[in-house]
Amino acid sequence: MKILKIENKKSYFSTDGSNYTSITDIGKEDIYKILDIIYNNNDYEMDEYNDSVEIANEVEKIIYKDIYNQLISFASKKEILASEINNEFKTVKEKYQIEAE
């Protein structure tokens, strides 16, 4: 599933892989959905951003670049995050003597 794409000098995002919306319209809930996709899947794609990428609207370019870089950073750390979350749950379960399901 492609979550970020650049096409015809415009940038888009998707939370379902088929409906694309201008990156300038991205909201908090959309970002949460994209983070969930990255965290729970390895089957996602993003068009790479670099300085040679041509996006006509400067605002779109800035937003795409920032979001792309943040998502790449998140994806590179997701194994560490998962481990930290699992360790925290283990600690809470032990503290409150909750049995694993």
N, C-alpha and C. Protein backbone atom coordinates (compact mmCIF):
# COMPACT_ATOMS: atom_id res chain seq x y z
N MET A 1 0.85 -1.17 0.00
CA MET A 1 0.00 0.00 0.00
C MET A 1 0.90 1.23 0.00
N LYS A 2 0.60 2.17 -0.87
CA LYS A 2 1.37 3.41 -0.93
C LYS A 2 0.68 4.45 -0.07
N ILE A 3 1.42 4.96 0.94
CA ILE A 3 0.83 5.93 1.86
C ILE A 3 1.20 7.37 1.52
N LEU A 4 2.36 7.57 0.85
CA LEU A 4 2.75 8.89 0.38
C LEU A 4 3.18 8.77 -1.07
N LYS A 5 2.70 9.69 -1.90
CA LYS A 5 3.13 9.64 -3.29
C LYS A 5 3.25 11.05 -3.87
N ILE A 6 4.10 11.12 -4.88
CA ILE A 6 4.30 12.35 -5.64
C ILE A 6 3.96 12.02 -7.09
N GLU A 7 3.06 12.82 -7.65
CA GLU A 7 2.60 12.55 -9.01
C GLU A 7 2.25 13.87 -9.68
N ASN A 8 2.76 14.07 -10.87
CA ASN A 8 2.48 15.29 -11.64
C ASN A 8 2.80 16.56 -10.84
N LYS A 9 3.94 16.54 -10.15
CA LYS A 9 4.43 17.68 -9.36
C LYS A 9 3.52 18.05 -8.19
N LYS A 10 2.71 17.08 -7.73
CA LYS A 10 1.85 17.27 -6.57
C LYS A 10 2.10 16.13 -5.60
N SER A 11 1.81 16.36 -4.32
CA SER A 11 2.05 15.34 -3.30
C SER A 11 0.75 14.94 -2.63
N TYR A 12 0.66 13.65 -2.30
CA TYR A 12 -0.58 13.08 -1.77
C TYR A 12 -0.27 12.11 -0.63
N PHE A 13 -1.31 11.84 0.16
CA PHE A 13 -1.24 10.79 1.18
C PHE A 13 -2.47 9.92 1.05
N SER A 14 -2.37 8.71 1.62
CA SER A 14 -3.51 7.80 1.64
C SER A 14 -3.46 6.99 2.92
N THR A 15 -4.64 6.72 3.47
CA THR A 15 -4.73 5.85 4.65
C THR A 15 -5.31 4.49 4.29
N ASP A 16 -5.66 4.31 3.00
CA ASP A 16 -6.21 3.03 2.58
C ASP A 16 -5.55 2.47 1.32
N GLY A 17 -4.64 3.22 0.72
CA GLY A 17 -3.93 2.74 -0.46
C GLY A 17 -4.65 2.94 -1.77
N SER A 18 -5.87 3.47 -1.74
CA SER A 18 -6.58 3.67 -2.99
C SER A 18 -7.13 5.09 -3.15
N ASN A 19 -7.47 5.74 -2.07
CA ASN A 19 -7.96 7.11 -2.12
C ASN A 19 -6.85 8.05 -1.67
N TYR A 20 -6.49 8.97 -2.55
CA TYR A 20 -5.39 9.89 -2.25
C TYR A 20 -5.91 11.31 -2.10
N THR A 21 -5.34 12.01 -1.11
CA THR A 21 -5.73 13.37 -0.78
C THR A 21 -4.47 14.23 -0.78
N SER A 22 -4.63 15.50 -1.14
CA SER A 22 -3.48 16.41 -1.13
C SER A 22 -2.83 16.43 0.25
N ILE A 23 -1.52 16.43 0.27
CA ILE A 23 -0.78 16.43 1.53
C ILE A 23 -1.11 17.65 2.38
N THR A 24 -1.56 18.74 1.75
CA THR A 24 -1.91 19.94 2.52
C THR A 24 -3.16 19.74 3.34
N ASP A 25 -3.93 18.70 3.06
CA ASP A 25 -5.17 18.42 3.80
C ASP A 25 -4.99 17.37 4.89
N ILE A 26 -3.76 16.95 5.13
CA ILE A 26 -3.53 15.91 6.14
C ILE A 26 -3.84 16.46 7.53
N GLY A 27 -4.46 15.63 8.33
CA GLY A 27 -4.82 16.02 9.69
C GLY A 27 -4.25 15.06 10.71
N LYS A 28 -4.48 15.37 11.96
CA LYS A 28 -3.97 14.56 13.06
C LYS A 28 -4.43 13.10 12.96
N GLU A 29 -5.71 12.89 12.70
CA GLU A 29 -6.23 11.52 12.60
C GLU A 29 -5.60 10.76 11.44
N ASP A 30 -5.36 11.45 10.32
CA ASP A 30 -4.71 10.81 9.17
C ASP A 30 -3.29 10.36 9.55
N ILE A 31 -2.58 11.22 10.26
CA ILE A 31 -1.22 10.89 10.68
C ILE A 31 -1.24 9.69 11.62
N TYR A 32 -2.19 9.65 12.55
CA TYR A 32 -2.32 8.49 13.45
C TYR A 32 -2.57 7.21 12.65
N LYS A 33 -3.42 7.28 11.64
CA LYS A 33 -3.70 6.09 10.82
C LYS A 33 -2.46 5.64 10.06
N ILE A 34 -1.71 6.60 9.53
CA ILE A 34 -0.49 6.25 8.80
C ILE A 34 0.55 5.65 9.74
N LEU A 35 0.69 6.20 10.93
CA LEU A 35 1.62 5.63 11.91
C LEU A 35 1.20 4.21 12.28
N ASP A 36 -0.10 3.98 12.40
CA ASP A 36 -0.61 2.64 12.69
C ASP A 36 -0.27 1.67 11.56
N ILE A 37 -0.40 2.13 10.33
CA ILE A 37 -0.05 1.29 9.17
C ILE A 37 1.42 0.91 9.24
N ILE A 38 2.27 1.89 9.48
CA ILE A 38 3.71 1.63 9.54
C ILE A 38 4.05 0.71 10.71
N TYR A 39 3.44 0.94 11.86
CA TYR A 39 3.73 0.14 13.05
C TYR A 39 3.30 -1.32 12.90
N ASN A 40 2.15 -1.53 12.27
CA ASN A 40 1.58 -2.88 12.20
C ASN A 40 1.82 -3.62 10.89
N ASN A 41 2.49 -2.98 9.93
CA ASN A 41 2.70 -3.62 8.63
C ASN A 41 4.11 -3.37 8.14
N ASN A 42 4.53 -4.24 7.25
CA ASN A 42 5.76 -4.00 6.50
C ASN A 42 5.40 -3.79 5.03
N ASP A 43 4.12 -3.85 4.73
CA ASP A 43 3.64 -3.77 3.35
C ASP A 43 3.11 -2.37 3.06
N TYR A 44 4.00 -1.40 3.04
CA TYR A 44 3.63 -0.03 2.71
C TYR A 44 4.77 0.59 1.93
N GLU A 45 4.45 1.63 1.16
CA GLU A 45 5.44 2.33 0.36
C GLU A 45 5.25 3.82 0.51
N MET A 46 6.34 4.55 0.29
CA MET A 46 6.30 6.01 0.24
C MET A 46 7.23 6.44 -0.89
N ASP A 47 6.78 7.38 -1.70
CA ASP A 47 7.69 7.94 -2.69
C ASP A 47 8.76 8.72 -1.95
N GLU A 48 10.00 8.45 -2.29
CA GLU A 48 11.13 9.07 -1.61
C GLU A 48 11.16 10.57 -1.86
N TYR A 49 11.54 11.28 -0.82
CA TYR A 49 11.75 12.71 -0.97
C TYR A 49 13.24 12.99 -0.94
N ASN A 50 13.69 13.79 -1.90
CA ASN A 50 15.05 14.33 -1.87
C ASN A 50 15.01 15.69 -2.57
N ASP A 51 16.11 16.40 -2.57
CA ASP A 51 16.11 17.76 -3.09
C ASP A 51 15.84 17.85 -4.59
N SER A 52 15.97 16.74 -5.30
CA SER A 52 15.70 16.77 -6.74
C SER A 52 14.23 16.48 -7.07
N VAL A 53 13.44 16.11 -6.08
CA VAL A 53 12.02 15.84 -6.30
C VAL A 53 11.32 17.15 -6.63
N GLU A 54 10.50 17.10 -7.66
CA GLU A 54 9.82 18.31 -8.09
C GLU A 54 8.37 18.32 -7.64
N ILE A 55 8.08 19.23 -6.72
CA ILE A 55 6.71 19.48 -6.26
C ILE A 55 6.48 20.96 -6.50
N ALA A 56 5.46 21.26 -7.30
CA ALA A 56 5.24 22.64 -7.76
C ALA A 56 4.92 23.61 -6.62
N ASN A 57 4.06 23.21 -5.71
CA ASN A 57 3.65 24.09 -4.62
C ASN A 57 4.66 23.99 -3.47
N GLU A 58 5.23 25.11 -3.10
CA GLU A 58 6.27 25.13 -2.06
C GLU A 58 5.73 24.65 -0.71
N VAL A 59 4.48 24.96 -0.39
CA VAL A 59 3.88 24.51 0.86
C VAL A 59 3.77 22.99 0.88
N GLU A 60 3.30 22.42 -0.23
CA GLU A 60 3.21 20.96 -0.34
C GLU A 60 4.59 20.33 -0.17
N LYS A 61 5.57 20.94 -0.78
CA LYS A 61 6.94 20.41 -0.72
C LYS A 61 7.44 20.37 0.72
N ILE A 62 7.22 21.43 1.46
CA ILE A 62 7.67 21.50 2.86
C ILE A 62 6.94 20.47 3.71
N ILE A 63 5.62 20.40 3.55
CA ILE A 63 4.83 19.45 4.34
C ILE A 63 5.24 18.02 4.01
N TYR A 64 5.35 17.70 2.71
CA TYR A 64 5.72 16.34 2.30
C TYR A 64 7.09 15.98 2.87
N LYS A 65 8.05 16.88 2.73
CA LYS A 65 9.41 16.62 3.21
C LYS A 65 9.41 16.33 4.71
N ASP A 66 8.72 17.16 5.48
CA ASP A 66 8.69 16.98 6.93
C ASP A 66 7.99 15.68 7.33
N ILE A 67 6.86 15.42 6.74
CA ILE A 67 6.13 14.19 7.07
C ILE A 67 6.93 12.96 6.64
N TYR A 68 7.46 12.98 5.44
CA TYR A 68 8.27 11.86 4.95
C TYR A 68 9.43 11.57 5.91
N ASN A 69 10.17 12.61 6.29
CA ASN A 69 11.32 12.41 7.18
C ASN A 69 10.89 11.88 8.55
N GLN A 70 9.78 12.37 9.07
CA GLN A 70 9.28 11.87 10.36
C GLN A 70 8.84 10.41 10.26
N LEU A 71 8.18 10.06 9.17
CA LEU A 71 7.72 8.67 9.00
C LEU A 71 8.90 7.72 8.81
N ILE A 72 9.92 8.15 8.08
CA ILE A 72 11.13 7.33 7.93
C ILE A 72 11.78 7.11 9.29
N SER A 73 11.85 8.16 10.08
CA SER A 73 12.43 8.05 11.42
C SER A 73 11.62 7.09 12.29
N PHE A 74 10.30 7.23 12.26
CA PHE A 74 9.42 6.36 13.03
C PHE A 74 9.59 4.90 12.60
N ALA A 75 9.61 4.67 11.28
CA ALA A 75 9.75 3.31 10.76
C ALA A 75 11.07 2.68 11.19
N SER A 76 12.12 3.48 11.22
CA SER A 76 13.44 2.94 11.60
C SER A 76 13.49 2.58 13.09
N LYS A 77 12.60 3.16 13.88
CA LYS A 77 12.60 2.93 15.33
C LYS A 77 11.47 2.03 15.79
N LYS A 78 10.66 1.50 14.88
CA LYS A 78 9.47 0.78 15.33
C LYS A 78 9.78 -0.50 16.10
N GLU A 79 10.87 -1.18 15.79
CA GLU A 79 11.24 -2.38 16.54
C GLU A 79 11.60 -2.01 17.98
N ILE A 80 12.32 -0.93 18.15
CA ILE A 80 12.69 -0.46 19.48
C ILE A 80 11.44 -0.05 20.25
N LEU A 81 10.55 0.68 19.58
CA LEU A 81 9.30 1.10 20.23
C LEU A 81 8.47 -0.10 20.66
N ALA A 82 8.36 -1.09 19.78
CA ALA A 82 7.58 -2.29 20.11
C ALA A 82 8.17 -3.00 21.32
N SER A 83 9.48 -3.08 21.36
CA SER A 83 10.14 -3.73 22.49
C SER A 83 9.89 -2.95 23.79
N GLU A 84 10.00 -1.63 23.72
CA GLU A 84 9.75 -0.81 24.91
C GLU A 84 8.30 -0.94 25.39
N ILE A 85 7.38 -0.95 24.45
CA ILE A 85 5.96 -1.08 24.81
C ILE A 85 5.71 -2.44 25.45
N ASN A 86 6.25 -3.50 24.85
CA ASN A 86 6.06 -4.85 25.40
C ASN A 86 6.67 -4.98 26.79
N ASN A 87 7.83 -4.38 26.99
CA ASN A 87 8.47 -4.42 28.31
C ASN A 87 7.64 -3.66 29.34
N GLU A 88 7.08 -2.53 28.92
CA GLU A 88 6.24 -1.74 29.83
C GLU A 88 4.99 -2.54 30.22
N PHE A 89 4.34 -3.19 29.23
CA PHE A 89 3.17 -4.01 29.54
C PHE A 89 3.53 -5.17 30.46
N LYS A 90 4.68 -5.76 30.23
CA LYS A 90 5.13 -6.87 31.08
C LYS A 90 5.29 -6.38 32.52
N THR A 91 5.90 -5.21 32.68
CA THR A 91 6.09 -4.63 34.02
C THR A 91 4.76 -4.35 34.69
N VAL A 92 3.81 -3.79 33.95
CA VAL A 92 2.49 -3.49 34.50
C VAL A 92 1.76 -4.78 34.87
N LYS A 93 1.83 -5.78 34.01
CA LYS A 93 1.18 -7.06 34.31
C LYS A 93 1.75 -7.70 35.57
N GLU A 94 3.09 -7.63 35.70
CA GLU A 94 3.72 -8.20 36.89
C GLU A 94 3.34 -7.41 38.14
N LYS A 95 3.33 -6.11 38.03
CA LYS A 95 3.02 -5.24 39.17
C LYS A 95 1.60 -5.49 39.68
N TYR A 96 0.66 -5.61 38.75
CA TYR A 96 -0.74 -5.77 39.13
C TYR A 96 -1.22 -7.22 39.05
N GLN A 97 -0.27 -8.12 38.82
CA GLN A 97 -0.53 -9.56 38.77
C GLN A 97 -1.67 -9.88 37.80
N ILE A 98 -1.56 -9.32 36.62
CA ILE A 98 -2.54 -9.60 35.55
C ILE A 98 -2.02 -10.76 34.75
N GLU A 99 -2.90 -11.73 34.50
CA GLU A 99 -2.49 -12.89 33.72
C GLU A 99 -2.58 -12.56 32.24
N ALA A 100 -1.61 -13.06 31.48
CA ALA A 100 -1.59 -12.85 30.03
C ALA A 100 -2.75 -13.61 29.39
N GLU A 101 -3.28 -13.00 28.37
CA GLU A 101 -4.41 -13.65 27.67
C GLU A 101 -3.90 -14.55 26.58
